[in-house]
Amino acid sequence: MRVRQILETCIYVDDLDAAKQFYQDVLGLEFVSRHDNRHVFLRCKDQMLLIFNPAESIADDGDLPRHGTTGPGHLAFGVPKDELDAWKSRLISIAIEIEREINWPGGGRSFYFRDPAGNSLELATPRIWGMEETDAVVKAPNEETDR
């Protein structure tokens, strides 16, 4: 017996509005729900990104265990190799700094940048982990149709 997938991943931010806008508008994730100033939930293919405000989620509310930490985390999103350069150009065009690019020894490429809360984000081809191209989870937004 073993687990089959990562169902959800959490990051922590002080400004839920800025995070929601960034992950929806810049990365194209689908909004699912929001609970006051405690959290925002977004969908990325068949996985969930849970964005918590640690000042609110550290409290034990009785229904859920406490969530909360401080400081930036890291998330890597898979993208098809033929879209990686388009993603890089898109981010640069909206003044998001690319911190580092890597051609991985085992194959694949990735680059790093930050969200508004300072979390380290990476767009990578699935090959960096030996996964097939079809395992990519984020498609580049189409400027013509995704407005």
N, C-alpha and C. Protein backbone atom coordinates (compact mmCIF):
# COMPACT_ATOMS: atom_id res chain seq x y z
N MET A 1 0.85 -1.16 0.00
CA MET A 1 0.00 0.00 0.00
C MET A 1 0.91 1.24 0.00
N ARG A 2 0.53 2.24 -0.83
CA ARG A 2 1.28 3.49 -0.87
C ARG A 2 0.37 4.61 -1.36
N VAL A 3 0.71 5.84 -1.04
CA VAL A 3 -0.08 6.96 -1.54
C VAL A 3 0.15 7.09 -3.03
N ARG A 4 -0.80 7.65 -3.75
CA ARG A 4 -0.77 7.70 -5.21
C ARG A 4 -0.43 9.06 -5.81
N GLN A 5 -0.65 10.14 -5.06
CA GLN A 5 -0.39 11.45 -5.62
C GLN A 5 -0.35 12.48 -4.50
N ILE A 6 0.21 13.61 -4.82
CA ILE A 6 0.10 14.75 -3.92
C ILE A 6 -1.20 15.45 -4.31
N LEU A 7 -2.14 15.47 -3.40
CA LEU A 7 -3.45 16.03 -3.66
C LEU A 7 -3.48 17.55 -3.50
N GLU A 8 -2.77 18.01 -2.48
CA GLU A 8 -2.75 19.45 -2.24
C GLU A 8 -1.40 19.86 -1.69
N THR A 9 -1.06 21.10 -1.95
CA THR A 9 0.17 21.71 -1.45
C THR A 9 -0.20 23.06 -0.87
N CYS A 10 0.45 23.44 0.22
CA CYS A 10 0.16 24.71 0.88
C CYS A 10 1.35 25.65 0.79
N ILE A 11 1.02 26.93 0.64
CA ILE A 11 1.99 27.99 0.82
C ILE A 11 1.35 29.02 1.73
N TYR A 12 2.16 29.93 2.24
CA TYR A 12 1.69 30.90 3.20
C TYR A 12 2.04 32.30 2.72
N VAL A 13 1.05 33.19 2.79
CA VAL A 13 1.21 34.57 2.32
C VAL A 13 0.52 35.52 3.29
N ASP A 14 0.98 36.75 3.31
CA ASP A 14 0.34 37.76 4.15
C ASP A 14 -0.80 38.47 3.44
N ASP A 15 -0.80 38.46 2.11
CA ASP A 15 -1.79 39.18 1.32
C ASP A 15 -2.51 38.21 0.39
N LEU A 16 -3.68 37.74 0.83
CA LEU A 16 -4.43 36.76 0.03
C LEU A 16 -4.90 37.34 -1.30
N ASP A 17 -5.28 38.61 -1.31
CA ASP A 17 -5.75 39.23 -2.55
C ASP A 17 -4.65 39.23 -3.62
N ALA A 18 -3.44 39.64 -3.23
CA ALA A 18 -2.32 39.67 -4.18
C ALA A 18 -1.97 38.26 -4.65
N ALA A 19 -2.01 37.30 -3.75
CA ALA A 19 -1.69 35.92 -4.11
C ALA A 19 -2.74 35.36 -5.07
N LYS A 20 -4.01 35.57 -4.76
CA LYS A 20 -5.09 35.07 -5.62
C LYS A 20 -4.95 35.65 -7.02
N GLN A 21 -4.75 36.96 -7.11
CA GLN A 21 -4.60 37.60 -8.41
C GLN A 21 -3.40 37.05 -9.17
N PHE A 22 -2.26 36.90 -8.50
CA PHE A 22 -1.05 36.40 -9.13
C PHE A 22 -1.25 34.98 -9.68
N TYR A 23 -1.73 34.08 -8.83
CA TYR A 23 -1.85 32.68 -9.25
C TYR A 23 -2.94 32.47 -10.30
N GLN A 24 -3.99 33.29 -10.26
CA GLN A 24 -5.03 33.22 -11.29
C GLN A 24 -4.58 33.90 -12.58
N ASP A 25 -4.21 35.16 -12.48
CA ASP A 25 -3.95 35.97 -13.68
C ASP A 25 -2.62 35.67 -14.34
N VAL A 26 -1.59 35.41 -13.56
CA VAL A 26 -0.26 35.18 -14.12
C VAL A 26 -0.06 33.72 -14.49
N LEU A 27 -0.42 32.80 -13.58
CA LEU A 27 -0.17 31.38 -13.84
C LEU A 27 -1.38 30.62 -14.36
N GLY A 28 -2.55 31.23 -14.33
CA GLY A 28 -3.74 30.60 -14.92
C GLY A 28 -4.40 29.53 -14.09
N LEU A 29 -4.16 29.49 -12.77
CA LEU A 29 -4.83 28.51 -11.92
C LEU A 29 -6.29 28.89 -11.75
N GLU A 30 -7.11 27.90 -11.50
CA GLU A 30 -8.56 28.08 -11.38
C GLU A 30 -8.96 28.33 -9.92
N PHE A 31 -9.65 29.43 -9.67
CA PHE A 31 -10.15 29.74 -8.33
C PHE A 31 -11.21 28.72 -7.93
N VAL A 32 -11.11 28.22 -6.68
CA VAL A 32 -12.10 27.28 -6.16
C VAL A 32 -12.89 27.90 -5.02
N SER A 33 -12.19 28.44 -4.01
CA SER A 33 -12.91 29.02 -2.88
C SER A 33 -12.01 29.93 -2.07
N ARG A 34 -12.68 30.72 -1.23
CA ARG A 34 -11.98 31.59 -0.30
C ARG A 34 -12.77 31.61 1.00
N HIS A 35 -12.05 31.65 2.11
CA HIS A 35 -12.69 31.79 3.42
C HIS A 35 -12.11 33.02 4.11
N ASP A 36 -12.86 34.12 4.06
CA ASP A 36 -12.46 35.38 4.70
C ASP A 36 -11.00 35.70 4.39
N ASN A 37 -10.24 36.03 5.43
CA ASN A 37 -8.82 36.34 5.26
C ASN A 37 -7.96 35.16 5.71
N ARG A 38 -8.57 33.95 5.78
CA ARG A 38 -7.85 32.76 6.24
C ARG A 38 -7.16 32.02 5.10
N HIS A 39 -7.88 31.78 3.99
CA HIS A 39 -7.27 31.02 2.91
C HIS A 39 -7.97 31.24 1.58
N VAL A 40 -7.23 30.90 0.51
CA VAL A 40 -7.73 30.85 -0.86
C VAL A 40 -7.31 29.50 -1.41
N PHE A 41 -8.23 28.81 -2.09
CA PHE A 41 -7.93 27.51 -2.69
C PHE A 41 -8.02 27.64 -4.21
N LEU A 42 -7.02 27.11 -4.91
CA LEU A 42 -6.96 27.15 -6.37
C LEU A 42 -6.66 25.75 -6.90
N ARG A 43 -7.12 25.49 -8.12
CA ARG A 43 -6.92 24.18 -8.75
C ARG A 43 -5.85 24.30 -9.84
N CYS A 44 -5.00 23.29 -9.88
CA CYS A 44 -3.97 23.17 -10.92
C CYS A 44 -4.09 21.74 -11.46
N LYS A 45 -4.81 21.61 -12.57
CA LYS A 45 -5.13 20.31 -13.16
C LYS A 45 -5.86 19.47 -12.13
N ASP A 46 -5.30 18.38 -11.65
CA ASP A 46 -6.00 17.54 -10.67
C ASP A 46 -5.39 17.66 -9.27
N GLN A 47 -4.75 18.80 -9.02
CA GLN A 47 -4.17 19.05 -7.70
C GLN A 47 -4.60 20.42 -7.21
N MET A 48 -4.55 20.59 -5.90
CA MET A 48 -4.99 21.84 -5.28
C MET A 48 -3.82 22.59 -4.68
N LEU A 49 -3.85 23.91 -4.86
CA LEU A 49 -2.91 24.80 -4.20
C LEU A 49 -3.70 25.54 -3.13
N LEU A 50 -3.32 25.33 -1.88
CA LEU A 50 -3.97 25.98 -0.75
C LEU A 50 -3.07 27.11 -0.30
N ILE A 51 -3.61 28.32 -0.29
CA ILE A 51 -2.83 29.48 0.11
C ILE A 51 -3.41 30.00 1.41
N PHE A 52 -2.63 29.91 2.47
CA PHE A 52 -3.08 30.30 3.80
C PHE A 52 -2.42 31.59 4.26
N ASN A 53 -3.18 32.38 5.00
CA ASN A 53 -2.63 33.52 5.72
C ASN A 53 -2.23 33.00 7.09
N PRO A 54 -0.94 32.92 7.41
CA PRO A 54 -0.53 32.31 8.68
C PRO A 54 -1.05 33.04 9.92
N ALA A 55 -1.30 34.33 9.81
CA ALA A 55 -1.82 35.07 10.96
C ALA A 55 -3.22 34.58 11.34
N GLU A 56 -3.97 34.10 10.36
CA GLU A 56 -5.33 33.60 10.60
C GLU A 56 -5.38 32.09 10.79
N SER A 57 -4.58 31.36 10.04
CA SER A 57 -4.69 29.90 10.05
C SER A 57 -3.93 29.24 11.19
N ILE A 58 -3.17 30.00 11.95
CA ILE A 58 -2.45 29.43 13.10
C ILE A 58 -3.41 29.13 14.25
N ALA A 59 -4.58 29.78 14.26
CA ALA A 59 -5.56 29.57 15.34
C ALA A 59 -6.24 28.21 15.17
N ASP A 60 -6.51 27.56 16.28
CA ASP A 60 -7.24 26.30 16.27
C ASP A 60 -8.73 26.63 16.26
N ASP A 61 -9.37 26.43 15.09
CA ASP A 61 -10.78 26.79 14.98
C ASP A 61 -11.72 25.64 15.30
N GLY A 62 -11.20 24.52 15.70
CA GLY A 62 -12.04 23.40 16.09
C GLY A 62 -12.32 22.41 14.98
N ASP A 63 -12.51 22.89 13.74
CA ASP A 63 -12.82 21.98 12.63
C ASP A 63 -11.56 21.45 11.96
N LEU A 64 -10.61 22.33 11.76
CA LEU A 64 -9.38 21.96 11.06
C LEU A 64 -8.18 22.10 11.98
N PRO A 65 -7.15 21.31 11.75
CA PRO A 65 -5.94 21.53 12.54
C PRO A 65 -5.32 22.87 12.15
N ARG A 66 -4.50 23.41 13.02
CA ARG A 66 -3.83 24.67 12.74
C ARG A 66 -2.91 24.54 11.54
N HIS A 67 -2.89 25.59 10.72
CA HIS A 67 -1.96 25.70 9.60
C HIS A 67 -1.21 26.99 9.81
N GLY A 68 0.05 26.99 9.52
CA GLY A 68 0.76 28.25 9.59
C GLY A 68 2.25 28.07 9.74
N THR A 69 2.95 28.89 9.06
CA THR A 69 4.39 28.96 9.15
C THR A 69 4.78 30.35 8.70
N THR A 70 6.02 30.67 8.81
CA THR A 70 6.48 31.96 8.32
C THR A 70 7.64 31.74 7.38
N GLY A 71 7.85 32.70 6.51
CA GLY A 71 8.94 32.61 5.56
C GLY A 71 8.50 31.98 4.26
N PRO A 72 9.28 32.23 3.21
CA PRO A 72 8.91 31.72 1.89
C PRO A 72 9.10 30.22 1.74
N GLY A 73 8.29 29.63 0.88
CA GLY A 73 8.40 28.23 0.52
C GLY A 73 8.80 28.10 -0.93
N HIS A 74 8.64 26.90 -1.47
CA HIS A 74 9.00 26.65 -2.87
C HIS A 74 7.93 25.77 -3.50
N LEU A 75 7.56 26.10 -4.73
CA LEU A 75 6.67 25.30 -5.56
C LEU A 75 7.26 25.20 -6.95
N ALA A 76 7.16 24.04 -7.55
CA ALA A 76 7.57 23.87 -8.95
C ALA A 76 6.35 23.42 -9.74
N PHE A 77 6.10 24.10 -10.84
CA PHE A 77 4.99 23.75 -11.73
C PHE A 77 5.57 23.16 -13.00
N GLY A 78 4.98 22.08 -13.48
CA GLY A 78 5.41 21.46 -14.72
C GLY A 78 4.79 22.14 -15.92
N VAL A 79 5.60 22.39 -16.94
CA VAL A 79 5.12 22.96 -18.19
C VAL A 79 5.74 22.18 -19.35
N PRO A 80 5.05 22.09 -20.48
CA PRO A 80 5.63 21.42 -21.64
C PRO A 80 6.89 22.14 -22.10
N LYS A 81 7.87 21.38 -22.57
CA LYS A 81 9.15 21.99 -22.96
C LYS A 81 9.00 23.02 -24.07
N ASP A 82 8.04 22.83 -24.97
CA ASP A 82 7.87 23.80 -26.05
C ASP A 82 7.16 25.08 -25.59
N GLU A 83 6.74 25.16 -24.32
CA GLU A 83 6.12 26.36 -23.78
C GLU A 83 7.01 27.08 -22.77
N LEU A 84 8.11 26.48 -22.38
CA LEU A 84 8.94 27.06 -21.33
C LEU A 84 9.45 28.46 -21.70
N ASP A 85 9.93 28.63 -22.92
CA ASP A 85 10.43 29.94 -23.33
C ASP A 85 9.30 30.98 -23.42
N ALA A 86 8.11 30.56 -23.82
CA ALA A 86 6.96 31.48 -23.87
C ALA A 86 6.59 31.93 -22.45
N TRP A 87 6.65 31.01 -21.50
CA TRP A 87 6.38 31.38 -20.11
C TRP A 87 7.41 32.40 -19.64
N LYS A 88 8.67 32.16 -19.94
CA LYS A 88 9.72 33.08 -19.53
C LYS A 88 9.47 34.47 -20.12
N SER A 89 9.17 34.54 -21.39
CA SER A 89 8.89 35.82 -22.05
C SER A 89 7.69 36.51 -21.42
N ARG A 90 6.64 35.74 -21.13
CA ARG A 90 5.43 36.30 -20.52
C ARG A 90 5.76 36.92 -19.16
N LEU A 91 6.50 36.21 -18.33
CA LEU A 91 6.82 36.72 -17.00
C LEU A 91 7.69 37.98 -17.09
N ILE A 92 8.68 37.95 -17.95
CA ILE A 92 9.54 39.13 -18.14
C ILE A 92 8.72 40.32 -18.62
N SER A 93 7.76 40.07 -19.50
CA SER A 93 6.94 41.16 -20.06
C SER A 93 6.06 41.84 -19.01
N ILE A 94 5.79 41.15 -17.91
CA ILE A 94 4.99 41.76 -16.84
C ILE A 94 5.87 42.07 -15.62
N ALA A 95 7.16 42.25 -15.88
CA ALA A 95 8.14 42.71 -14.88
C ALA A 95 8.38 41.73 -13.74
N ILE A 96 8.29 40.44 -14.02
CA ILE A 96 8.66 39.43 -13.03
C ILE A 96 10.07 38.98 -13.36
N GLU A 97 10.96 39.15 -12.39
CA GLU A 97 12.37 38.83 -12.58
C GLU A 97 12.61 37.32 -12.57
N ILE A 98 13.35 36.84 -13.54
CA ILE A 98 13.79 35.44 -13.57
C ILE A 98 15.10 35.40 -12.77
N GLU A 99 15.11 34.65 -11.67
CA GLU A 99 16.27 34.63 -10.79
C GLU A 99 17.39 33.71 -11.29
N ARG A 100 17.00 32.60 -11.86
CA ARG A 100 18.00 31.63 -12.30
C ARG A 100 17.37 30.67 -13.28
N GLU A 101 18.18 30.23 -14.26
CA GLU A 101 17.76 29.20 -15.21
C GLU A 101 18.73 28.03 -15.09
N ILE A 102 18.19 26.83 -15.22
CA ILE A 102 19.04 25.64 -15.09
C ILE A 102 18.72 24.64 -16.19
N ASN A 103 19.77 24.12 -16.82
CA ASN A 103 19.67 22.96 -17.69
C ASN A 103 20.13 21.79 -16.83
N TRP A 104 19.22 20.92 -16.47
CA TRP A 104 19.51 19.85 -15.51
C TRP A 104 20.32 18.73 -16.16
N PRO A 105 21.28 18.14 -15.42
CA PRO A 105 22.15 17.10 -15.97
C PRO A 105 21.39 15.88 -16.51
N GLY A 106 20.28 15.51 -15.87
CA GLY A 106 19.51 14.35 -16.30
C GLY A 106 18.52 14.66 -17.40
N GLY A 107 18.50 15.90 -17.85
CA GLY A 107 17.56 16.34 -18.88
C GLY A 107 16.54 17.29 -18.30
N GLY A 108 16.01 18.12 -19.15
CA GLY A 108 15.00 19.08 -18.74
C GLY A 108 15.61 20.41 -18.36
N ARG A 109 14.73 21.40 -18.30
CA ARG A 109 15.12 22.77 -17.98
C ARG A 109 14.12 23.36 -17.00
N SER A 110 14.59 24.37 -16.29
CA SER A 110 13.67 25.10 -15.41
C SER A 110 14.21 26.50 -15.18
N PHE A 111 13.31 27.35 -14.66
CA PHE A 111 13.73 28.67 -14.20
C PHE A 111 12.93 29.05 -12.97
N TYR A 112 13.52 29.96 -12.19
CA TYR A 112 12.98 30.35 -10.90
C TYR A 112 12.60 31.83 -10.88
N PHE A 113 11.53 32.13 -10.12
CA PHE A 113 11.06 33.50 -9.93
C PHE A 113 10.29 33.53 -8.62
N ARG A 114 9.77 34.68 -8.23
CA ARG A 114 9.08 34.83 -6.94
C ARG A 114 7.63 35.28 -7.12
N ASP A 115 6.77 34.82 -6.21
CA ASP A 115 5.41 35.35 -6.17
C ASP A 115 5.42 36.62 -5.31
N PRO A 116 4.29 37.34 -5.21
CA PRO A 116 4.29 38.59 -4.45
C PRO A 116 4.68 38.43 -2.97
N ALA A 117 4.51 37.25 -2.39
CA ALA A 117 4.86 37.01 -0.99
C ALA A 117 6.31 36.58 -0.81
N GLY A 118 7.04 36.40 -1.90
CA GLY A 118 8.43 35.98 -1.81
C GLY A 118 8.65 34.48 -1.90
N ASN A 119 7.58 33.70 -2.13
CA ASN A 119 7.75 32.27 -2.32
C ASN A 119 8.54 32.02 -3.60
N SER A 120 9.45 31.06 -3.56
CA SER A 120 10.25 30.70 -4.72
C SER A 120 9.43 29.78 -5.62
N LEU A 121 9.22 30.21 -6.86
CA LEU A 121 8.46 29.41 -7.82
C LEU A 121 9.38 28.97 -8.93
N GLU A 122 9.08 27.81 -9.47
CA GLU A 122 9.88 27.24 -10.55
C GLU A 122 8.93 26.73 -11.62
N LEU A 123 9.22 27.06 -12.86
CA LEU A 123 8.54 26.42 -13.99
C LEU A 123 9.56 25.48 -14.59
N ALA A 124 9.16 24.23 -14.73
CA ALA A 124 10.10 23.19 -15.13
C ALA A 124 9.47 22.22 -16.11
N THR A 125 10.29 21.66 -16.97
CA THR A 125 9.81 20.57 -17.81
C THR A 125 9.79 19.31 -16.94
N PRO A 126 8.79 18.46 -17.09
CA PRO A 126 8.68 17.27 -16.25
C PRO A 126 9.91 16.35 -16.32
N ARG A 127 10.68 16.50 -17.37
CA ARG A 127 11.88 15.66 -17.57
C ARG A 127 12.88 15.79 -16.41
N ILE A 128 12.85 16.93 -15.68
CA ILE A 128 13.82 17.08 -14.58
C ILE A 128 13.63 16.00 -13.52
N TRP A 129 12.43 15.41 -13.45
CA TRP A 129 12.15 14.32 -12.52
C TRP A 129 11.89 13.00 -13.24
N GLY A 130 12.27 12.93 -14.51
CA GLY A 130 12.11 11.69 -15.26
C GLY A 130 10.67 11.40 -15.65
N MET A 131 9.83 12.44 -15.67
CA MET A 131 8.42 12.28 -16.02
C MET A 131 8.21 12.61 -17.49
N GLU A 132 7.15 12.08 -18.03
CA GLU A 132 6.81 12.32 -19.43
C GLU A 132 6.23 13.71 -19.61
N GLU A 133 6.33 14.21 -20.81
CA GLU A 133 5.80 15.52 -21.18
C GLU A 133 4.32 15.65 -20.84
N THR A 134 3.55 14.60 -20.97
CA THR A 134 2.11 14.65 -20.70
C THR A 134 1.81 14.87 -19.23
N ASP A 135 2.83 14.77 -18.37
CA ASP A 135 2.63 15.00 -16.94
C ASP A 135 2.65 16.48 -16.58
N ALA A 136 2.91 17.35 -17.57
CA ALA A 136 2.94 18.78 -17.29
C ALA A 136 1.57 19.23 -16.82
N VAL A 137 1.55 20.12 -15.83
CA VAL A 137 0.28 20.50 -15.23
C VAL A 137 -0.19 21.91 -15.55
N VAL A 138 0.66 22.78 -16.02
CA VAL A 138 0.26 24.15 -16.29
C VAL A 138 0.47 24.46 -17.76
N LYS A 139 -0.58 24.85 -18.43
CA LYS A 139 -0.49 25.28 -19.83
C LYS A 139 -0.38 26.79 -19.88
N ALA A 140 0.40 27.29 -20.80
CA ALA A 140 0.56 28.74 -20.92
C ALA A 140 -0.78 29.38 -21.27
N PRO A 141 -1.12 30.48 -20.60
CA PRO A 141 -2.37 31.17 -20.95
C PRO A 141 -2.30 31.67 -22.38
N ASN A 142 -3.41 31.55 -23.07
CA ASN A 142 -3.51 32.05 -24.43
C ASN A 142 -3.97 33.49 -24.35
N GLU A 143 -3.11 34.41 -24.76
CA GLU A 143 -3.41 35.83 -24.64
C GLU A 143 -4.70 36.22 -25.38
N GLU A 144 -5.03 35.52 -26.43
CA GLU A 144 -6.23 35.87 -27.23
C GLU A 144 -7.52 35.36 -26.59
N THR A 145 -7.49 34.14 -26.02
CA THR A 145 -8.73 33.53 -25.56
C THR A 145 -8.90 33.53 -24.04
N ASP A 146 -7.86 33.80 -23.27
CA ASP A 146 -7.96 33.71 -21.82
C ASP A 146 -8.16 35.06 -21.13
N ARG A 147 -8.78 35.97 -21.79
CA ARG A 147 -9.02 37.29 -21.17
C ARG A 147 -10.30 37.28 -20.39
